[in-house]
Structure formats: structure tokens, C-alpha cells
Amino acid sequence: MDFIAFDLETTGTVAGVDAIVEIGAVKFSGKTPMATFSTLVDPKKHIPEDATRVNGITDDMVEGKPLIQDLLKPFAEFCEDLPIVAHNAPFDAQFLTADIKRHEMAAPRGVILDTLPIARKVFPGLANYKLGTLVQHLNIPAGQFHRAEEDASYCGYLFFEILTKVASDANPPIENLIALTGKPEARFPQVEVSHKQLDLLDGLF
């Protein structure tokens, strides 16, 4: 199965108020990483010390980096319509959704899959289901955590381990994976181009 594993780092925990400071995504074909999309993001606001303590990202590191509205379209193009996988996916998805709606930009088209509830079912009995715990349990080589590209990679390897558990060919029907989340199918909103954007485009030609 081909899929995208992704992770975000943010200034806080409230989507629409706090901002994305790093996007990391890895395109997998089975267990093999094929391509990456990784960048710091200038949030145009101060990064609180609590956030820096978690991810190590400072104001100086993001100054002059791309703005989120300039990254949404290339990120959507990178993801295409492949399944999009994240650990505790609703947290990351809500931040991207807020920016997609605010800026009326393109979004990834694939179904969103959350490895957290799936892992609880596939690997029962663990003390907790943090990404680090699962990586250790599955003997996935790891170094740094709480940076977007690294965490996305760990999530991708975790997802492959899940695939091998639930299907002999590591390619189960997407409907089965959605069912394992225990939630309805989730996707990013596909925002129509606004009249304002159309007027701007008309002015270019």
C-alpha cells in the first residue's frame, strides 16, 4: 500500500488560535520511504516557551520561513489522493483544516487514518499508546521525537506494522482500516475557489 504519514509541530493546542510551525510528511510504498515534504513554517507569532520545550523550535528558527498559505497547495500536491496517516490524527487534521478554510486553499484528497485507535486494537495490552511507546514495542529504530519529519517517519513504520498484522499481503481494503479507527471516514475539506480568488486570477490574464 502507498500512503502518506504526516505530523505537525504547533505553537499550542488550540486550532484556529495557535499556529503550525513545522510540517513533516513522508510518502511510503509499503515499508519503504519514497519522498519527503518537510519544512519549518513562520507562524507570524511568538512561539511560547512551553511549545519550544517540547519540540525545540524557536522564533529565530522560523523567522523568514514560508507562510502556511504558501505551503498548503504544495503539500496537497505531495499527498495527492493517497491515504493520509497520523498518530492522534484529529489533532493534526484540525490545524490543517483551520488553515485550509481560512485561506481557501487546496487540501489533500485522501482518507485520513489515525494510528492511535488502530494500534490500541492491533497491539492490545500496552501500558500506553504514545508514539514512542509503540516505536519501542515494535523495535522501530528511532532517535529524536517531537520533530515533524521524524515523527512522521515513525508513524509510517508503525502503520506498516499495523498493515502486516491485519492483512497477509499488507494491503487491506481501506474500508477495513477505517473500521478499525472506530470512527466515520474522515477527509480534509475540499474548499471551492472563492469569487475573490477568481477575480484575482482573471486579472492575471
N, C-alpha and C. Protein backbone atom coordinates (compact mmCIF):
# COMPACT_ATOMS: atom_id res chain seq x y z
N MET A 1 0.84 -1.20 0.00
CA MET A 1 0.00 0.00 0.00
C MET A 1 0.88 1.25 0.00
N ASP A 2 0.52 2.20 -0.83
CA ASP A 2 1.16 3.51 -0.81
C ASP A 2 0.36 4.43 0.10
N PHE A 3 1.05 5.25 0.89
CA PHE A 3 0.34 6.16 1.79
C PHE A 3 1.27 7.29 2.20
N ILE A 4 0.68 8.31 2.81
CA ILE A 4 1.42 9.45 3.35
C ILE A 4 1.32 9.41 4.86
N ALA A 5 2.46 9.49 5.55
CA ALA A 5 2.47 9.67 7.00
C ALA A 5 2.89 11.10 7.28
N PHE A 6 2.15 11.79 8.17
CA PHE A 6 2.50 13.18 8.40
C PHE A 6 2.37 13.55 9.88
N ASP A 7 3.02 14.66 10.22
CA ASP A 7 2.99 15.17 11.58
C ASP A 7 3.20 16.68 11.53
N LEU A 8 2.65 17.37 12.52
CA LEU A 8 2.83 18.82 12.65
C LEU A 8 3.43 19.15 14.00
N GLU A 9 4.16 20.25 14.05
CA GLU A 9 4.50 20.89 15.31
C GLU A 9 3.81 22.24 15.33
N THR A 10 3.33 22.66 16.49
CA THR A 10 2.49 23.85 16.59
C THR A 10 2.92 24.72 17.78
N THR A 11 2.35 25.93 17.84
CA THR A 11 2.64 26.84 18.95
C THR A 11 1.82 26.50 20.19
N GLY A 12 0.84 25.64 20.05
CA GLY A 12 -0.04 25.29 21.16
C GLY A 12 -1.02 24.22 20.75
N THR A 13 -2.12 24.12 21.45
CA THR A 13 -3.04 23.00 21.24
C THR A 13 -4.41 23.41 20.69
N VAL A 14 -4.62 24.70 20.44
CA VAL A 14 -5.95 25.17 20.02
C VAL A 14 -5.91 25.56 18.54
N ALA A 15 -6.51 24.73 17.69
CA ALA A 15 -6.55 25.01 16.26
C ALA A 15 -7.35 26.29 16.01
N GLY A 16 -6.87 27.09 15.07
CA GLY A 16 -7.53 28.35 14.77
C GLY A 16 -7.03 29.50 15.62
N VAL A 17 -6.39 29.18 16.74
CA VAL A 17 -5.78 30.18 17.60
C VAL A 17 -4.26 30.02 17.57
N ASP A 18 -3.80 28.82 17.89
CA ASP A 18 -2.38 28.51 17.77
C ASP A 18 -2.06 28.20 16.31
N ALA A 19 -0.77 28.12 15.99
CA ALA A 19 -0.36 28.03 14.59
C ALA A 19 0.64 26.90 14.37
N ILE A 20 0.68 26.45 13.14
CA ILE A 20 1.64 25.42 12.71
C ILE A 20 3.03 26.04 12.57
N VAL A 21 4.04 25.36 13.12
CA VAL A 21 5.42 25.83 12.97
C VAL A 21 6.29 24.84 12.19
N GLU A 22 5.78 23.65 11.94
CA GLU A 22 6.54 22.68 11.15
C GLU A 22 5.61 21.64 10.56
N ILE A 23 5.82 21.31 9.31
CA ILE A 23 5.11 20.22 8.63
C ILE A 23 6.14 19.17 8.23
N GLY A 24 5.85 17.92 8.54
CA GLY A 24 6.69 16.82 8.08
C GLY A 24 5.81 15.73 7.51
N ALA A 25 6.12 15.28 6.31
CA ALA A 25 5.35 14.22 5.68
C ALA A 25 6.30 13.31 4.90
N VAL A 26 5.99 12.02 4.95
CA VAL A 26 6.81 11.03 4.25
C VAL A 26 5.89 10.16 3.41
N LYS A 27 6.21 10.03 2.14
CA LYS A 27 5.45 9.16 1.24
C LYS A 27 6.06 7.76 1.29
N PHE A 28 5.24 6.78 1.65
CA PHE A 28 5.69 5.40 1.78
C PHE A 28 5.09 4.54 0.67
N SER A 29 5.87 3.58 0.23
CA SER A 29 5.36 2.47 -0.56
C SER A 29 5.66 1.22 0.24
N GLY A 30 4.64 0.68 0.91
CA GLY A 30 4.88 -0.39 1.86
C GLY A 30 5.73 0.13 3.00
N LYS A 31 6.85 -0.53 3.26
CA LYS A 31 7.74 -0.12 4.35
C LYS A 31 8.80 0.87 3.90
N THR A 32 8.82 1.20 2.61
CA THR A 32 9.90 1.99 2.06
C THR A 32 9.53 3.47 1.92
N PRO A 33 10.28 4.37 2.58
CA PRO A 33 10.06 5.80 2.35
C PRO A 33 10.50 6.17 0.94
N MET A 34 9.63 6.89 0.23
CA MET A 34 9.91 7.22 -1.16
C MET A 34 10.23 8.71 -1.37
N ALA A 35 9.63 9.58 -0.56
CA ALA A 35 9.82 11.02 -0.72
C ALA A 35 9.41 11.71 0.56
N THR A 36 9.92 12.92 0.77
CA THR A 36 9.57 13.67 1.97
C THR A 36 9.12 15.08 1.61
N PHE A 37 8.29 15.63 2.49
CA PHE A 37 7.88 17.03 2.44
C PHE A 37 8.11 17.55 3.85
N SER A 38 9.12 18.39 4.02
CA SER A 38 9.50 18.81 5.37
C SER A 38 9.91 20.26 5.37
N THR A 39 9.28 21.06 6.22
CA THR A 39 9.63 22.47 6.28
C THR A 39 9.18 23.10 7.58
N LEU A 40 9.98 24.03 8.07
CA LEU A 40 9.53 24.91 9.14
C LEU A 40 8.55 25.92 8.55
N VAL A 41 7.70 26.47 9.40
CA VAL A 41 6.66 27.41 8.97
C VAL A 41 6.73 28.64 9.87
N ASP A 42 6.74 29.81 9.26
CA ASP A 42 6.71 31.05 10.04
C ASP A 42 5.28 31.30 10.50
N PRO A 43 4.99 31.20 11.81
CA PRO A 43 3.62 31.38 12.28
C PRO A 43 3.21 32.83 12.43
N LYS A 44 4.17 33.74 12.25
CA LYS A 44 3.92 35.17 12.42
C LYS A 44 3.40 35.48 13.82
N LYS A 45 3.85 34.71 14.77
CA LYS A 45 3.55 34.97 16.17
C LYS A 45 4.63 34.31 17.02
N HIS A 46 4.70 34.75 18.27
CA HIS A 46 5.70 34.21 19.19
C HIS A 46 5.42 32.74 19.51
N ILE A 47 6.47 31.95 19.54
CA ILE A 47 6.33 30.55 19.96
C ILE A 47 6.52 30.49 21.47
N PRO A 48 5.52 30.08 22.22
CA PRO A 48 5.64 30.03 23.68
C PRO A 48 6.74 29.08 24.15
N GLU A 49 7.27 29.37 25.31
CA GLU A 49 8.35 28.53 25.86
C GLU A 49 7.89 27.09 26.04
N ASP A 50 6.63 26.88 26.42
CA ASP A 50 6.13 25.52 26.61
C ASP A 50 6.22 24.71 25.32
N ALA A 51 5.90 25.35 24.20
CA ALA A 51 5.98 24.66 22.91
C ALA A 51 7.44 24.38 22.54
N THR A 52 8.30 25.36 22.74
CA THR A 52 9.72 25.18 22.44
C THR A 52 10.32 24.06 23.29
N ARG A 53 9.86 23.96 24.52
CA ARG A 53 10.36 22.92 25.41
C ARG A 53 10.05 21.53 24.85
N VAL A 54 8.94 21.39 24.15
CA VAL A 54 8.54 20.10 23.58
C VAL A 54 9.29 19.81 22.29
N ASN A 55 9.27 20.77 21.36
CA ASN A 55 9.79 20.46 20.03
C ASN A 55 11.13 21.11 19.70
N GLY A 56 11.61 22.00 20.56
CA GLY A 56 12.91 22.62 20.33
C GLY A 56 12.90 23.70 19.28
N ILE A 57 11.72 24.08 18.77
CA ILE A 57 11.63 25.08 17.71
C ILE A 57 11.47 26.47 18.32
N THR A 58 12.33 27.41 17.91
CA THR A 58 12.34 28.75 18.47
C THR A 58 11.90 29.79 17.42
N ASP A 59 11.64 31.00 17.90
CA ASP A 59 11.27 32.10 17.00
C ASP A 59 12.34 32.32 15.94
N ASP A 60 13.61 32.28 16.34
CA ASP A 60 14.70 32.51 15.39
C ASP A 60 14.72 31.47 14.27
N MET A 61 14.35 30.23 14.61
CA MET A 61 14.38 29.15 13.62
C MET A 61 13.33 29.32 12.53
N VAL A 62 12.19 29.92 12.87
CA VAL A 62 11.10 30.03 11.90
C VAL A 62 11.06 31.38 11.20
N GLU A 63 11.83 32.34 11.66
CA GLU A 63 11.81 33.66 11.04
C GLU A 63 12.23 33.58 9.57
N GLY A 64 11.37 34.11 8.71
CA GLY A 64 11.67 34.11 7.28
C GLY A 64 11.34 32.82 6.56
N LYS A 65 10.84 31.82 7.27
CA LYS A 65 10.44 30.56 6.63
C LYS A 65 9.10 30.76 5.91
N PRO A 66 8.69 29.83 5.05
CA PRO A 66 7.43 30.01 4.31
C PRO A 66 6.23 30.15 5.24
N LEU A 67 5.23 30.89 4.77
CA LEU A 67 3.97 31.01 5.49
C LEU A 67 3.09 29.81 5.15
N ILE A 68 2.16 29.49 6.04
CA ILE A 68 1.32 28.31 5.83
C ILE A 68 0.51 28.42 4.55
N GLN A 69 0.04 29.63 4.20
CA GLN A 69 -0.77 29.77 2.98
C GLN A 69 0.03 29.49 1.72
N ASP A 70 1.37 29.57 1.82
CA ASP A 70 2.21 29.25 0.67
C ASP A 70 2.60 27.78 0.60
N LEU A 71 2.25 27.04 1.65
CA LEU A 71 2.63 25.63 1.72
C LEU A 71 1.47 24.68 1.51
N LEU A 72 0.25 25.16 1.68
CA LEU A 72 -0.90 24.25 1.62
C LEU A 72 -1.05 23.60 0.24
N LYS A 73 -0.90 24.36 -0.82
CA LYS A 73 -1.04 23.80 -2.17
C LYS A 73 0.05 22.79 -2.47
N PRO A 74 1.35 23.12 -2.24
CA PRO A 74 2.37 22.10 -2.48
C PRO A 74 2.22 20.87 -1.61
N PHE A 75 1.73 21.06 -0.37
CA PHE A 75 1.51 19.90 0.50
C PHE A 75 0.38 19.02 -0.06
N ALA A 76 -0.69 19.65 -0.53
CA ALA A 76 -1.79 18.89 -1.13
C ALA A 76 -1.32 18.13 -2.36
N GLU A 77 -0.48 18.76 -3.17
CA GLU A 77 0.04 18.10 -4.37
C GLU A 77 0.94 16.93 -4.00
N PHE A 78 1.71 17.07 -2.93
CA PHE A 78 2.57 15.98 -2.47
C PHE A 78 1.73 14.78 -2.02
N CYS A 79 0.64 15.06 -1.31
CA CYS A 79 -0.20 13.98 -0.76
C CYS A 79 -1.10 13.34 -1.81
N GLU A 80 -1.47 14.10 -2.85
CA GLU A 80 -2.38 13.62 -3.90
C GLU A 80 -3.65 13.07 -3.26
N ASP A 81 -4.06 11.88 -3.70
CA ASP A 81 -5.27 11.27 -3.13
C ASP A 81 -4.92 10.01 -2.33
N LEU A 82 -3.66 9.91 -1.89
CA LEU A 82 -3.24 8.74 -1.10
C LEU A 82 -3.82 8.81 0.31
N PRO A 83 -4.00 7.66 0.97
CA PRO A 83 -4.39 7.67 2.39
C PRO A 83 -3.38 8.47 3.20
N ILE A 84 -3.88 9.24 4.16
CA ILE A 84 -3.03 10.11 4.98
C ILE A 84 -3.09 9.61 6.41
N VAL A 85 -1.92 9.30 6.96
CA VAL A 85 -1.84 8.63 8.25
C VAL A 85 -1.14 9.53 9.25
N ALA A 86 -1.69 9.61 10.47
CA ALA A 86 -1.03 10.35 11.55
C ALA A 86 -1.38 9.69 12.87
N HIS A 87 -0.54 9.92 13.88
CA HIS A 87 -0.80 9.39 15.21
C HIS A 87 -1.54 10.46 16.01
N ASN A 88 -2.73 10.10 16.47
CA ASN A 88 -3.67 11.08 17.02
C ASN A 88 -4.02 12.09 15.93
N ALA A 89 -4.47 11.56 14.80
CA ALA A 89 -4.71 12.35 13.59
C ALA A 89 -5.66 13.53 13.78
N PRO A 90 -6.72 13.42 14.59
CA PRO A 90 -7.61 14.57 14.73
C PRO A 90 -6.91 15.85 15.17
N PHE A 91 -5.88 15.72 16.01
CA PHE A 91 -5.15 16.91 16.47
C PHE A 91 -4.50 17.62 15.28
N ASP A 92 -3.73 16.88 14.48
CA ASP A 92 -3.04 17.49 13.36
C ASP A 92 -4.03 17.94 12.28
N ALA A 93 -5.05 17.12 12.04
CA ALA A 93 -6.01 17.44 10.98
C ALA A 93 -6.77 18.73 11.27
N GLN A 94 -7.08 18.99 12.55
CA GLN A 94 -7.84 20.19 12.86
C GLN A 94 -7.03 21.46 12.57
N PHE A 95 -5.72 21.40 12.77
CA PHE A 95 -4.89 22.57 12.46
C PHE A 95 -4.85 22.82 10.96
N LEU A 96 -4.62 21.77 10.18
CA LEU A 96 -4.60 21.95 8.73
C LEU A 96 -5.96 22.39 8.21
N THR A 97 -7.02 21.80 8.77
CA THR A 97 -8.37 22.16 8.33
C THR A 97 -8.65 23.63 8.58
N ALA A 98 -8.24 24.14 9.74
CA ALA A 98 -8.46 25.55 10.05
C ALA A 98 -7.76 26.45 9.04
N ASP A 99 -6.54 26.10 8.65
CA ASP A 99 -5.80 26.92 7.68
C ASP A 99 -6.34 26.75 6.27
N ILE A 100 -6.76 25.55 5.93
CA ILE A 100 -7.36 25.31 4.61
C ILE A 100 -8.61 26.18 4.44
N LYS A 101 -9.43 26.24 5.45
CA LYS A 101 -10.66 27.04 5.39
C LYS A 101 -10.35 28.53 5.43
N ARG A 102 -9.42 28.92 6.29
CA ARG A 102 -9.10 30.35 6.43
C ARG A 102 -8.56 30.93 5.14
N HIS A 103 -7.68 30.17 4.48
CA HIS A 103 -7.02 30.68 3.28
C HIS A 103 -7.67 30.17 1.99
N GLU A 104 -8.71 29.34 2.12
CA GLU A 104 -9.42 28.79 0.95
C GLU A 104 -8.44 28.18 -0.05
N MET A 105 -7.67 27.21 0.47
CA MET A 105 -6.62 26.60 -0.32
C MET A 105 -6.90 25.12 -0.57
N ALA A 106 -6.13 24.56 -1.49
CA ALA A 106 -6.25 23.14 -1.81
C ALA A 106 -5.89 22.29 -0.60
N ALA A 107 -6.44 21.07 -0.58
CA ALA A 107 -6.20 20.14 0.53
C ALA A 107 -5.92 18.75 -0.01
N PRO A 108 -5.20 17.93 0.74
CA PRO A 108 -5.04 16.52 0.35
C PRO A 108 -6.41 15.88 0.19
N ARG A 109 -6.52 14.93 -0.75
CA ARG A 109 -7.81 14.35 -1.08
C ARG A 109 -8.03 12.96 -0.46
N GLY A 110 -6.99 12.38 0.11
CA GLY A 110 -7.12 11.01 0.61
C GLY A 110 -7.83 10.93 1.95
N VAL A 111 -8.25 9.72 2.28
CA VAL A 111 -8.87 9.47 3.57
C VAL A 111 -7.83 9.62 4.68
N ILE A 112 -8.24 10.14 5.83
CA ILE A 112 -7.35 10.32 6.97
C ILE A 112 -7.50 9.13 7.91
N LEU A 113 -6.38 8.51 8.26
CA LEU A 113 -6.39 7.35 9.15
C LEU A 113 -5.57 7.65 10.41
N ASP A 114 -6.13 7.29 11.55
CA ASP A 114 -5.49 7.57 12.85
C ASP A 114 -4.88 6.29 13.40
N THR A 115 -3.55 6.27 13.52
CA THR A 115 -2.90 5.06 14.02
C THR A 115 -3.11 4.84 15.52
N LEU A 116 -3.56 5.85 16.25
CA LEU A 116 -3.72 5.69 17.70
C LEU A 116 -4.82 4.69 18.04
N PRO A 117 -6.08 4.88 17.60
CA PRO A 117 -7.10 3.88 17.94
C PRO A 117 -6.87 2.54 17.26
N ILE A 118 -6.26 2.57 16.05
CA ILE A 118 -5.98 1.30 15.37
C ILE A 118 -4.96 0.49 16.17
N ALA A 119 -3.91 1.17 16.65
CA ALA A 119 -2.87 0.47 17.42
C ALA A 119 -3.44 -0.12 18.71
N ARG A 120 -4.38 0.56 19.32
CA ARG A 120 -4.99 0.02 20.55
C ARG A 120 -5.66 -1.32 20.29
N LYS A 121 -6.23 -1.49 19.10
CA LYS A 121 -6.90 -2.74 18.76
C LYS A 121 -5.92 -3.81 18.28
N VAL A 122 -4.91 -3.38 17.53
CA VAL A 122 -4.00 -4.33 16.90
C VAL A 122 -2.91 -4.80 17.87
N PHE A 123 -2.52 -3.92 18.80
CA PHE A 123 -1.48 -4.26 19.78
C PHE A 123 -2.02 -4.06 21.19
N PRO A 124 -2.94 -4.91 21.63
CA PRO A 124 -3.57 -4.72 22.94
C PRO A 124 -2.59 -4.98 24.10
N GLY A 125 -2.90 -4.36 25.23
CA GLY A 125 -2.18 -4.68 26.45
C GLY A 125 -0.97 -3.84 26.76
N LEU A 126 -0.68 -2.80 25.97
CA LEU A 126 0.46 -1.95 26.26
C LEU A 126 0.13 -0.97 27.38
N ALA A 127 1.16 -0.47 28.03
CA ALA A 127 0.95 0.47 29.14
C ALA A 127 0.30 1.76 28.66
N ASN A 128 0.69 2.21 27.48
CA ASN A 128 0.07 3.37 26.84
C ASN A 128 0.31 3.27 25.34
N TYR A 129 -0.27 4.19 24.61
CA TYR A 129 -0.17 4.11 23.15
C TYR A 129 0.43 5.38 22.56
N LYS A 130 1.35 5.98 23.32
CA LYS A 130 2.13 7.07 22.77
C LYS A 130 2.99 6.54 21.62
N LEU A 131 3.31 7.43 20.69
CA LEU A 131 4.10 7.01 19.53
C LEU A 131 5.43 6.40 19.97
N GLY A 132 6.09 7.01 20.96
CA GLY A 132 7.37 6.49 21.43
C GLY A 132 7.26 5.10 22.01
N THR A 133 6.17 4.85 22.74
CA THR A 133 5.96 3.52 23.33
C THR A 133 5.77 2.47 22.25
N LEU A 134 5.00 2.80 21.23
CA LEU A 134 4.75 1.85 20.14
C LEU A 134 6.02 1.61 19.33
N VAL A 135 6.77 2.65 19.08
CA VAL A 135 8.03 2.51 18.35
C VAL A 135 8.98 1.57 19.11
N GLN A 136 9.05 1.75 20.41
CA GLN A 136 9.91 0.88 21.23
C GLN A 136 9.39 -0.55 21.23
N HIS A 137 8.08 -0.72 21.39
CA HIS A 137 7.48 -2.05 21.43
C HIS A 137 7.74 -2.82 20.13
N LEU A 138 7.73 -2.11 19.01
CA LEU A 138 7.88 -2.76 17.71
C LEU A 138 9.33 -2.77 17.23
N ASN A 139 10.24 -2.29 18.08
CA ASN A 139 11.67 -2.27 17.74
C ASN A 139 11.95 -1.48 16.47
N ILE A 140 11.24 -0.38 16.31
CA ILE A 140 11.48 0.52 15.18
C ILE A 140 12.65 1.43 15.55
N PRO A 141 13.71 1.46 14.75
CA PRO A 141 14.85 2.34 15.07
C PRO A 141 14.40 3.79 15.19
N ALA A 142 14.82 4.45 16.26
CA ALA A 142 14.37 5.82 16.50
C ALA A 142 15.46 6.64 17.16
N GLY A 143 15.37 7.93 16.94
CA GLY A 143 16.27 8.87 17.59
C GLY A 143 15.46 9.97 18.24
N GLN A 144 15.40 11.10 17.57
CA GLN A 144 14.69 12.27 18.09
C GLN A 144 13.18 12.14 17.91
N PHE A 145 12.43 12.60 18.91
CA PHE A 145 10.98 12.70 18.80
C PHE A 145 10.57 14.17 18.88
N HIS A 146 9.32 14.42 18.51
CA HIS A 146 8.72 15.76 18.57
C HIS A 146 9.34 16.73 17.58
N ARG A 147 9.82 16.21 16.44
CA ARG A 147 10.06 17.00 15.26
C ARG A 147 9.26 16.34 14.15
N ALA A 148 8.69 17.16 13.29
CA ALA A 148 7.64 16.68 12.40
C ALA A 148 8.07 15.56 11.46
N GLU A 149 9.20 15.74 10.76
CA GLU A 149 9.59 14.71 9.80
C GLU A 149 9.92 13.39 10.49
N GLU A 150 10.62 13.46 11.61
CA GLU A 150 10.98 12.24 12.33
C GLU A 150 9.73 11.51 12.82
N ASP A 151 8.81 12.26 13.43
CA ASP A 151 7.60 11.62 13.95
C ASP A 151 6.75 11.07 12.81
N ALA A 152 6.73 11.76 11.68
CA ALA A 152 6.00 11.23 10.52
C ALA A 152 6.61 9.90 10.06
N SER A 153 7.93 9.82 10.05
CA SER A 153 8.60 8.57 9.67
C SER A 153 8.24 7.44 10.62
N TYR A 154 8.29 7.71 11.93
CA TYR A 154 7.94 6.68 12.91
C TYR A 154 6.50 6.22 12.71
N CYS A 155 5.62 7.19 12.45
CA CYS A 155 4.22 6.85 12.23
C CYS A 155 4.06 5.96 11.00
N GLY A 156 4.83 6.26 9.95
CA GLY A 156 4.76 5.44 8.74
C GLY A 156 5.22 4.01 8.97
N TYR A 157 6.31 3.85 9.72
CA TYR A 157 6.76 2.49 10.03
C TYR A 157 5.76 1.77 10.93
N LEU A 158 5.17 2.50 11.87
CA LEU A 158 4.13 1.93 12.73
C LEU A 158 2.95 1.47 11.88
N PHE A 159 2.54 2.29 10.93
CA PHE A 159 1.40 1.94 10.10
C PHE A 159 1.69 0.69 9.27
N PHE A 160 2.92 0.57 8.78
CA PHE A 160 3.26 -0.63 8.02
C PHE A 160 3.16 -1.87 8.91
N GLU A 161 3.62 -1.76 10.16
CA GLU A 161 3.49 -2.89 11.10
C GLU A 161 2.03 -3.24 11.32
N ILE A 162 1.18 -2.24 11.38
CA ILE A 162 -0.26 -2.47 11.50
C ILE A 162 -0.78 -3.22 10.28
N LEU A 163 -0.36 -2.77 9.09
CA LEU A 163 -0.82 -3.41 7.85
C LEU A 163 -0.45 -4.88 7.83
N THR A 164 0.77 -5.21 8.25
CA THR A 164 1.20 -6.61 8.22
C THR A 164 0.43 -7.46 9.23
N LYS A 165 -0.09 -6.81 10.27
CA LYS A 165 -0.87 -7.53 11.28
C LYS A 165 -2.28 -7.83 10.80
N VAL A 166 -2.85 -6.92 10.03
CA VAL A 166 -4.27 -7.05 9.68
C VAL A 166 -4.50 -7.65 8.30
N ALA A 167 -3.43 -7.81 7.51
CA ALA A 167 -3.58 -8.41 6.18
C ALA A 167 -2.30 -9.13 5.80
N SER A 168 -2.43 -10.32 5.26
CA SER A 168 -1.26 -11.13 4.92
C SER A 168 -0.40 -10.47 3.84
N ASP A 169 -1.03 -9.67 2.98
CA ASP A 169 -0.27 -9.00 1.92
C ASP A 169 0.02 -7.54 2.24
N ALA A 170 -0.26 -7.13 3.49
CA ALA A 170 -0.03 -5.74 3.93
C ALA A 170 -0.76 -4.74 3.05
N ASN A 171 -1.89 -5.17 2.50
CA ASN A 171 -2.66 -4.28 1.62
C ASN A 171 -4.16 -4.48 1.85
N PRO A 172 -4.63 -4.23 3.07
CA PRO A 172 -6.05 -4.45 3.38
C PRO A 172 -6.94 -3.41 2.71
N PRO A 173 -8.20 -3.72 2.51
CA PRO A 173 -9.14 -2.72 1.97
C PRO A 173 -9.18 -1.50 2.89
N ILE A 174 -9.26 -0.34 2.30
CA ILE A 174 -9.27 0.89 3.09
C ILE A 174 -10.46 0.92 4.04
N GLU A 175 -11.57 0.28 3.64
CA GLU A 175 -12.75 0.25 4.50
C GLU A 175 -12.46 -0.48 5.81
N ASN A 176 -11.64 -1.51 5.75
CA ASN A 176 -11.28 -2.25 6.97
C ASN A 176 -10.46 -1.39 7.91
N LEU A 177 -9.57 -0.57 7.35
CA LEU A 177 -8.75 0.31 8.18
C LEU A 177 -9.59 1.42 8.81
N ILE A 178 -10.52 1.95 8.05
CA ILE A 178 -11.43 2.96 8.60
C ILE A 178 -12.22 2.35 9.75
N ALA A 179 -12.71 1.13 9.57
CA ALA A 179 -13.49 0.47 10.62
C ALA A 179 -12.67 0.29 11.90
N LEU A 180 -11.36 0.03 11.75
CA LEU A 180 -10.50 -0.16 12.92
C LEU A 180 -10.34 1.12 13.73
N THR A 181 -10.55 2.28 13.12
CA THR A 181 -10.46 3.53 13.87
C THR A 181 -11.66 3.70 14.80
N GLY A 182 -12.75 3.00 14.50
CA GLY A 182 -13.96 3.15 15.31
C GLY A 182 -14.69 4.45 15.06
N LYS A 183 -14.33 5.15 13.99
CA LYS A 183 -14.94 6.45 13.68
C LYS A 183 -15.35 6.49 12.21
N PRO A 184 -16.24 7.44 11.86
CA PRO A 184 -16.60 7.57 10.45
C PRO A 184 -15.41 7.99 9.60
N GLU A 185 -15.53 7.77 8.31
CA GLU A 185 -14.49 8.20 7.39
C GLU A 185 -14.20 9.69 7.55
N ALA A 186 -12.93 10.06 7.55
CA ALA A 186 -12.53 11.46 7.72
C ALA A 186 -11.68 11.90 6.53
N ARG A 187 -11.93 13.10 6.06
CA ARG A 187 -11.14 13.69 4.97
C ARG A 187 -11.01 15.19 5.22
N PHE A 188 -10.02 15.80 4.59
CA PHE A 188 -9.90 17.25 4.65
C PHE A 188 -10.97 17.89 3.78
N PRO A 189 -11.45 19.09 4.15
CA PRO A 189 -12.45 19.77 3.32
C PRO A 189 -11.83 20.18 1.99
N GLN A 190 -12.62 20.05 0.94
CA GLN A 190 -12.18 20.50 -0.37
C GLN A 190 -12.86 21.84 -0.63
N VAL A 191 -12.11 22.90 -0.42
CA VAL A 191 -12.67 24.25 -0.48
C VAL A 191 -12.74 24.72 -1.92
N GLU A 192 -13.91 25.24 -2.31
CA GLU A 192 -14.05 25.78 -3.65
C GLU A 192 -13.33 27.12 -3.73
N VAL A 193 -12.81 27.42 -4.91
CA VAL A 193 -12.15 28.70 -5.12
C VAL A 193 -13.16 29.81 -4.96
N SER A 194 -12.83 30.82 -4.16
CA SER A 194 -13.76 31.91 -3.88
C SER A 194 -13.87 32.86 -5.06
N HIS A 195 -14.92 33.69 -5.05
CA HIS A 195 -15.08 34.70 -6.10
C HIS A 195 -13.91 35.68 -6.08
N LYS A 196 -13.41 35.98 -4.87
CA LYS A 196 -12.27 36.89 -4.76
C LYS A 196 -11.06 36.30 -5.46
N GLN A 197 -10.82 35.00 -5.27
CA GLN A 197 -9.68 34.36 -5.93
C GLN A 197 -9.86 34.33 -7.44
N LEU A 198 -11.11 34.09 -7.90
CA LEU A 198 -11.38 34.08 -9.33
C LEU A 198 -11.12 35.44 -9.94
N ASP A 199 -11.52 36.50 -9.23
CA ASP A 199 -11.28 37.86 -9.73
C ASP A 199 -9.79 38.12 -9.85
N LEU A 200 -9.02 37.65 -8.84
CA LEU A 200 -7.58 37.84 -8.90
C LEU A 200 -6.96 37.09 -10.07
N LEU A 201 -7.46 35.86 -10.30
CA LEU A 201 -6.94 35.06 -11.41
C LEU A 201 -7.29 35.72 -12.76
N ASP A 202 -8.52 36.25 -12.85
CA ASP A 202 -8.92 36.93 -14.10
C ASP A 202 -8.01 38.11 -14.40
N GLY A 203 -7.54 38.77 -13.36
CA GLY A 203 -6.68 39.94 -13.55
C GLY A 203 -5.30 39.59 -14.05
N LEU A 204 -4.96 38.31 -14.00
CA LEU A 204 -3.63 37.89 -14.43
C LEU A 204 -3.58 37.60 -15.93
N PHE A 205 -4.74 37.51 -16.58
CA PHE A 205 -4.76 37.09 -17.99
C PHE A 205 -5.45 38.16 -18.86
